[in-house]
Amino acid sequence: MSAFYDRMAATALRLISQYGMAVTLRTVTPGGYDPELGETTPETITEQVGQGILADYTGLEFQANSLIKQGDKKLKLAAKGLTSAPSLLSKVIADGKTWSIVPPLKEINPAGTPLLYELQVRV
């Protein structure tokens, strides 16, 4: 069954690559405190490039969900090719802007194989 979902993930990546755009997922991990040195270690910045489709919300989605604000976009991000999943602390760089991820973060993950992440993003 896993081979089927692996092919589905590859198909999702191929279609999103064809009709979408490259997006950068930037995750900043704060440094930790080292009590022996008495200082904080520097933060770690991880960037990975994925393929996504950035779209507007429809009027019906605005009516059904009060958490959507004017200017928010939905991002469908292919899971295949990413080394780690996006988190609420991640930033998305797409369409010349840096976007924050707004909860909820949805993962399409049948049978344990991530296919797609559905994100609500805001400048």
N, C-alpha and C. Protein backbone atom coordinates (compact mmCIF):
# COMPACT_ATOMS: atom_id res chain seq x y z
N MET A 1 0.82 -1.19 0.00
CA MET A 1 0.00 0.00 0.00
C MET A 1 0.87 1.26 0.00
N SER A 2 2.02 1.21 0.62
CA SER A 2 2.89 2.38 0.69
C SER A 2 3.39 2.79 -0.69
N ALA A 3 3.66 1.83 -1.56
CA ALA A 3 4.13 2.16 -2.92
C ALA A 3 3.08 2.98 -3.66
N PHE A 4 1.81 2.67 -3.43
CA PHE A 4 0.72 3.42 -4.05
C PHE A 4 0.78 4.88 -3.62
N TYR A 5 0.92 5.13 -2.32
CA TYR A 5 0.96 6.50 -1.81
C TYR A 5 2.26 7.21 -2.17
N ASP A 6 3.34 6.47 -2.31
CA ASP A 6 4.58 7.07 -2.80
C ASP A 6 4.39 7.60 -4.22
N ARG A 7 3.68 6.84 -5.06
CA ARG A 7 3.38 7.29 -6.42
C ARG A 7 2.44 8.49 -6.40
N MET A 8 1.48 8.49 -5.46
CA MET A 8 0.56 9.63 -5.33
C MET A 8 1.34 10.89 -4.94
N ALA A 9 2.30 10.75 -4.02
CA ALA A 9 3.12 11.90 -3.60
C ALA A 9 3.94 12.43 -4.77
N ALA A 10 4.49 11.52 -5.57
CA ALA A 10 5.26 11.93 -6.75
C ALA A 10 4.37 12.64 -7.76
N THR A 11 3.14 12.15 -7.94
CA THR A 11 2.20 12.79 -8.86
C THR A 11 1.81 14.18 -8.37
N ALA A 12 1.56 14.31 -7.06
CA ALA A 12 1.23 15.62 -6.49
C ALA A 12 2.38 16.60 -6.71
N LEU A 13 3.61 16.15 -6.49
CA LEU A 13 4.77 17.02 -6.70
C LEU A 13 4.89 17.42 -8.17
N ARG A 14 4.68 16.49 -9.07
CA ARG A 14 4.80 16.78 -10.50
C ARG A 14 3.76 17.81 -10.94
N LEU A 15 2.51 17.64 -10.50
CA LEU A 15 1.45 18.56 -10.90
C LEU A 15 1.63 19.94 -10.27
N ILE A 16 2.02 19.98 -9.01
CA ILE A 16 2.23 21.28 -8.35
C ILE A 16 3.44 21.98 -8.96
N SER A 17 4.47 21.22 -9.32
CA SER A 17 5.63 21.82 -9.98
C SER A 17 5.24 22.41 -11.33
N GLN A 18 4.36 21.72 -12.04
CA GLN A 18 3.94 22.16 -13.37
C GLN A 18 3.06 23.41 -13.29
N TYR A 19 2.14 23.47 -12.33
CA TYR A 19 1.17 24.56 -12.28
C TYR A 19 1.40 25.56 -11.15
N GLY A 20 2.37 25.29 -10.29
CA GLY A 20 2.61 26.16 -9.16
C GLY A 20 3.93 26.91 -9.27
N MET A 21 4.58 27.10 -8.13
CA MET A 21 5.83 27.85 -8.09
C MET A 21 6.73 27.28 -7.01
N ALA A 22 8.01 27.62 -7.10
CA ALA A 22 8.95 27.24 -6.05
C ALA A 22 8.73 28.16 -4.85
N VAL A 23 8.67 27.57 -3.67
CA VAL A 23 8.55 28.34 -2.43
C VAL A 23 9.65 27.89 -1.48
N THR A 24 10.10 28.81 -0.66
CA THR A 24 11.12 28.50 0.34
C THR A 24 10.46 28.41 1.70
N LEU A 25 10.74 27.35 2.41
CA LEU A 25 10.25 27.14 3.76
C LEU A 25 11.42 27.39 4.70
N ARG A 26 11.33 28.45 5.51
CA ARG A 26 12.41 28.82 6.42
C ARG A 26 11.96 28.56 7.86
N THR A 27 12.76 27.76 8.57
CA THR A 27 12.46 27.46 9.97
C THR A 27 13.63 27.94 10.83
N VAL A 28 13.32 28.76 11.82
CA VAL A 28 14.33 29.28 12.74
C VAL A 28 14.15 28.56 14.07
N THR A 29 15.21 27.85 14.50
CA THR A 29 15.20 27.16 15.77
C THR A 29 16.00 27.99 16.76
N PRO A 30 15.37 28.44 17.84
CA PRO A 30 16.10 29.27 18.79
C PRO A 30 17.27 28.52 19.43
N GLY A 31 18.30 29.26 19.78
CA GLY A 31 19.45 28.67 20.46
C GLY A 31 19.09 28.31 21.90
N GLY A 32 19.88 27.47 22.47
CA GLY A 32 19.67 27.06 23.86
C GLY A 32 20.68 27.71 24.78
N TYR A 33 20.39 27.67 26.04
CA TYR A 33 21.29 28.27 27.02
C TYR A 33 22.31 27.22 27.46
N ASP A 34 23.59 27.57 27.42
CA ASP A 34 24.67 26.70 27.88
C ASP A 34 25.13 27.21 29.25
N PRO A 35 24.77 26.51 30.33
CA PRO A 35 25.11 27.00 31.67
C PRO A 35 26.61 26.99 31.95
N GLU A 36 27.37 26.11 31.30
CA GLU A 36 28.82 26.06 31.53
C GLU A 36 29.51 27.32 30.97
N LEU A 37 29.05 27.78 29.81
CA LEU A 37 29.63 28.97 29.20
C LEU A 37 28.92 30.25 29.66
N GLY A 38 27.72 30.09 30.18
CA GLY A 38 26.96 31.23 30.61
C GLY A 38 26.43 32.07 29.47
N GLU A 39 26.19 31.45 28.34
CA GLU A 39 25.68 32.19 27.18
C GLU A 39 24.73 31.33 26.37
N THR A 40 24.02 32.00 25.51
CA THR A 40 23.06 31.32 24.65
C THR A 40 23.72 30.96 23.32
N THR A 41 23.49 29.74 22.88
CA THR A 41 24.01 29.33 21.57
C THR A 41 23.19 30.01 20.48
N PRO A 42 23.78 30.24 19.31
CA PRO A 42 23.05 30.95 18.25
C PRO A 42 21.89 30.12 17.70
N GLU A 43 20.92 30.84 17.14
CA GLU A 43 19.78 30.17 16.53
C GLU A 43 20.22 29.48 15.25
N THR A 44 19.45 28.48 14.84
CA THR A 44 19.73 27.73 13.63
C THR A 44 18.64 28.04 12.61
N ILE A 45 19.05 28.41 11.40
CA ILE A 45 18.10 28.68 10.32
C ILE A 45 18.21 27.57 9.29
N THR A 46 17.07 26.94 9.02
CA THR A 46 17.01 25.87 8.03
C THR A 46 16.10 26.31 6.91
N GLU A 47 16.58 26.22 5.68
CA GLU A 47 15.76 26.56 4.51
C GLU A 47 15.67 25.37 3.59
N GLN A 48 14.48 25.16 3.07
CA GLN A 48 14.28 24.11 2.08
C GLN A 48 13.33 24.63 1.01
N VAL A 49 13.57 24.23 -0.20
CA VAL A 49 12.76 24.69 -1.33
C VAL A 49 11.77 23.59 -1.68
N GLY A 50 10.52 23.97 -1.80
CA GLY A 50 9.47 23.05 -2.18
C GLY A 50 8.64 23.64 -3.30
N GLN A 51 7.62 22.94 -3.66
CA GLN A 51 6.72 23.38 -4.74
C GLN A 51 5.34 23.61 -4.15
N GLY A 52 4.74 24.76 -4.50
CA GLY A 52 3.44 25.08 -3.94
C GLY A 52 2.56 25.86 -4.88
N ILE A 53 1.30 25.92 -4.53
CA ILE A 53 0.31 26.71 -5.25
C ILE A 53 -0.29 27.68 -4.25
N LEU A 54 -0.13 28.97 -4.52
CA LEU A 54 -0.63 30.04 -3.66
C LEU A 54 -1.93 30.56 -4.27
N ALA A 55 -3.01 30.53 -3.50
CA ALA A 55 -4.32 30.92 -4.04
C ALA A 55 -5.07 31.80 -3.05
N ASP A 56 -6.03 32.55 -3.58
CA ASP A 56 -6.90 33.37 -2.75
C ASP A 56 -7.99 32.52 -2.13
N TYR A 57 -8.54 33.01 -1.02
CA TYR A 57 -9.73 32.39 -0.44
C TYR A 57 -10.96 32.91 -1.17
N THR A 58 -12.00 32.08 -1.25
CA THR A 58 -13.24 32.49 -1.90
C THR A 58 -14.14 33.16 -0.87
N GLY A 59 -15.19 33.80 -1.35
CA GLY A 59 -16.15 34.45 -0.47
C GLY A 59 -16.81 33.48 0.49
N LEU A 60 -17.10 32.27 0.01
CA LEU A 60 -17.73 31.28 0.88
C LEU A 60 -16.80 30.86 2.02
N GLU A 61 -15.52 30.77 1.74
CA GLU A 61 -14.56 30.41 2.78
C GLU A 61 -14.47 31.51 3.84
N PHE A 62 -14.58 32.77 3.43
CA PHE A 62 -14.59 33.87 4.39
C PHE A 62 -15.80 33.77 5.31
N GLN A 63 -16.96 33.41 4.75
CA GLN A 63 -18.18 33.30 5.55
C GLN A 63 -18.13 32.13 6.52
N ALA A 64 -17.52 31.02 6.09
CA ALA A 64 -17.51 29.81 6.90
C ALA A 64 -16.41 29.82 7.97
N ASN A 65 -15.40 30.66 7.83
CA ASN A 65 -14.27 30.63 8.75
C ASN A 65 -13.89 32.06 9.14
N SER A 66 -14.15 32.41 10.38
CA SER A 66 -13.87 33.78 10.82
C SER A 66 -12.39 34.02 11.11
N LEU A 67 -11.54 32.99 11.03
CA LEU A 67 -10.11 33.16 11.27
C LEU A 67 -9.37 33.67 10.04
N ILE A 68 -10.03 33.67 8.89
CA ILE A 68 -9.41 34.16 7.66
C ILE A 68 -9.53 35.68 7.65
N LYS A 69 -8.41 36.36 7.43
CA LYS A 69 -8.40 37.82 7.34
C LYS A 69 -8.17 38.24 5.90
N GLN A 70 -8.54 39.48 5.61
CA GLN A 70 -8.31 40.03 4.28
C GLN A 70 -6.82 39.97 3.96
N GLY A 71 -6.46 39.46 2.81
CA GLY A 71 -5.06 39.34 2.41
C GLY A 71 -4.46 37.98 2.67
N ASP A 72 -5.12 37.13 3.48
CA ASP A 72 -4.63 35.78 3.70
C ASP A 72 -4.71 34.98 2.40
N LYS A 73 -3.81 34.03 2.27
CA LYS A 73 -3.80 33.14 1.10
C LYS A 73 -3.77 31.70 1.60
N LYS A 74 -4.16 30.79 0.74
CA LYS A 74 -3.99 29.37 1.05
C LYS A 74 -2.86 28.85 0.18
N LEU A 75 -2.04 28.02 0.79
CA LEU A 75 -0.88 27.45 0.11
C LEU A 75 -0.99 25.94 0.16
N LYS A 76 -0.99 25.33 -1.00
CA LYS A 76 -0.93 23.87 -1.11
C LYS A 76 0.52 23.55 -1.40
N LEU A 77 1.18 22.87 -0.47
CA LEU A 77 2.61 22.60 -0.55
C LEU A 77 2.84 21.10 -0.69
N ALA A 78 3.52 20.69 -1.75
CA ALA A 78 3.83 19.27 -1.96
C ALA A 78 4.77 18.79 -0.87
N ALA A 79 4.47 17.65 -0.27
CA ALA A 79 5.30 17.11 0.81
C ALA A 79 6.56 16.43 0.28
N LYS A 80 6.45 15.83 -0.89
CA LYS A 80 7.60 15.12 -1.46
C LYS A 80 8.72 16.11 -1.77
N GLY A 81 9.91 15.77 -1.36
CA GLY A 81 11.06 16.62 -1.58
C GLY A 81 11.42 17.47 -0.38
N LEU A 82 10.51 17.62 0.58
CA LEU A 82 10.83 18.36 1.80
C LEU A 82 11.50 17.43 2.80
N THR A 83 12.51 17.93 3.49
CA THR A 83 13.21 17.09 4.48
C THR A 83 12.49 17.10 5.83
N SER A 84 11.70 18.15 6.09
CA SER A 84 10.92 18.19 7.33
C SER A 84 9.61 18.93 7.05
N ALA A 85 8.63 18.64 7.87
CA ALA A 85 7.31 19.24 7.69
C ALA A 85 7.32 20.69 8.16
N PRO A 86 6.47 21.53 7.57
CA PRO A 86 6.37 22.90 8.07
C PRO A 86 5.76 22.92 9.47
N SER A 87 6.10 23.94 10.24
CA SER A 87 5.52 24.11 11.56
C SER A 87 4.96 25.52 11.66
N LEU A 88 4.28 25.81 12.74
CA LEU A 88 3.73 27.15 12.92
C LEU A 88 4.82 28.18 13.11
N LEU A 89 6.04 27.74 13.41
CA LEU A 89 7.17 28.65 13.56
C LEU A 89 7.88 28.91 12.23
N SER A 90 7.52 28.15 11.21
CA SER A 90 8.14 28.32 9.89
C SER A 90 7.59 29.55 9.19
N LYS A 91 8.37 30.08 8.28
CA LYS A 91 7.96 31.17 7.39
C LYS A 91 8.02 30.64 5.97
N VAL A 92 7.15 31.15 5.14
CA VAL A 92 7.11 30.76 3.73
C VAL A 92 7.49 31.98 2.90
N ILE A 93 8.45 31.80 2.01
CA ILE A 93 8.84 32.86 1.10
C ILE A 93 8.32 32.47 -0.28
N ALA A 94 7.32 33.24 -0.73
CA ALA A 94 6.68 32.94 -2.02
C ALA A 94 6.14 34.23 -2.61
N ASP A 95 6.16 34.32 -3.90
CA ASP A 95 5.59 35.45 -4.61
C ASP A 95 6.22 36.78 -4.16
N GLY A 96 7.51 36.73 -3.80
CA GLY A 96 8.24 37.92 -3.40
C GLY A 96 7.94 38.44 -2.02
N LYS A 97 7.22 37.66 -1.20
CA LYS A 97 6.85 38.08 0.15
C LYS A 97 7.20 36.98 1.15
N THR A 98 7.34 37.40 2.42
CA THR A 98 7.53 36.43 3.50
C THR A 98 6.21 36.30 4.24
N TRP A 99 5.71 35.07 4.31
CA TRP A 99 4.41 34.78 4.88
C TRP A 99 4.58 33.99 6.18
N SER A 100 3.74 34.30 7.18
CA SER A 100 3.66 33.50 8.41
C SER A 100 2.57 32.46 8.24
N ILE A 101 2.75 31.33 8.89
CA ILE A 101 1.74 30.27 8.84
C ILE A 101 0.77 30.47 9.99
N VAL A 102 -0.52 30.44 9.66
CA VAL A 102 -1.59 30.64 10.62
C VAL A 102 -2.23 29.29 10.91
N PRO A 103 -2.53 28.97 12.18
CA PRO A 103 -3.20 27.70 12.46
C PRO A 103 -4.59 27.68 11.82
N PRO A 104 -5.10 26.54 11.44
CA PRO A 104 -4.53 25.21 11.60
C PRO A 104 -3.64 24.83 10.42
N LEU A 105 -2.67 24.02 10.68
CA LEU A 105 -1.77 23.49 9.66
C LEU A 105 -2.27 22.08 9.35
N LYS A 106 -2.68 21.84 8.12
CA LYS A 106 -3.27 20.54 7.76
C LYS A 106 -2.26 19.72 6.95
N GLU A 107 -2.21 18.44 7.26
CA GLU A 107 -1.35 17.51 6.52
C GLU A 107 -2.22 16.42 5.93
N ILE A 108 -2.15 16.26 4.62
CA ILE A 108 -2.83 15.15 3.95
C ILE A 108 -1.85 13.99 4.01
N ASN A 109 -2.19 12.98 4.80
CA ASN A 109 -1.23 11.93 5.15
C ASN A 109 -1.91 10.57 5.22
N PRO A 110 -2.36 10.02 4.09
CA PRO A 110 -2.98 8.70 4.15
C PRO A 110 -1.93 7.60 4.36
N ALA A 111 -2.23 6.70 5.25
CA ALA A 111 -1.37 5.53 5.51
C ALA A 111 0.06 5.92 5.89
N GLY A 112 0.22 7.10 6.53
CA GLY A 112 1.54 7.49 7.01
C GLY A 112 2.47 8.07 5.96
N THR A 113 1.96 8.36 4.78
CA THR A 113 2.78 8.94 3.71
C THR A 113 2.30 10.36 3.45
N PRO A 114 3.06 11.39 3.88
CA PRO A 114 2.63 12.77 3.62
C PRO A 114 2.58 13.06 2.12
N LEU A 115 1.44 13.58 1.66
CA LEU A 115 1.29 13.94 0.25
C LEU A 115 1.31 15.45 0.06
N LEU A 116 0.64 16.17 0.97
CA LEU A 116 0.38 17.58 0.76
C LEU A 116 0.17 18.27 2.09
N TYR A 117 0.62 19.51 2.18
CA TYR A 117 0.34 20.35 3.34
C TYR A 117 -0.55 21.49 2.87
N GLU A 118 -1.63 21.73 3.60
CA GLU A 118 -2.52 22.84 3.32
C GLU A 118 -2.29 23.89 4.40
N LEU A 119 -1.81 25.06 4.00
CA LEU A 119 -1.44 26.09 4.95
C LEU A 119 -2.24 27.36 4.68
N GLN A 120 -2.60 28.04 5.75
CA GLN A 120 -3.14 29.40 5.65
C GLN A 120 -1.98 30.31 5.97
N VAL A 121 -1.66 31.23 5.06
CA VAL A 121 -0.49 32.10 5.26
C VAL A 121 -0.94 33.55 5.24
N ARG A 122 -0.17 34.37 5.96
CA ARG A 122 -0.48 35.79 6.13
C ARG A 122 0.81 36.59 6.11
N VAL A 123 0.77 37.76 5.44
CA VAL A 123 1.95 38.64 5.41
C VAL A 123 2.07 39.32 6.75
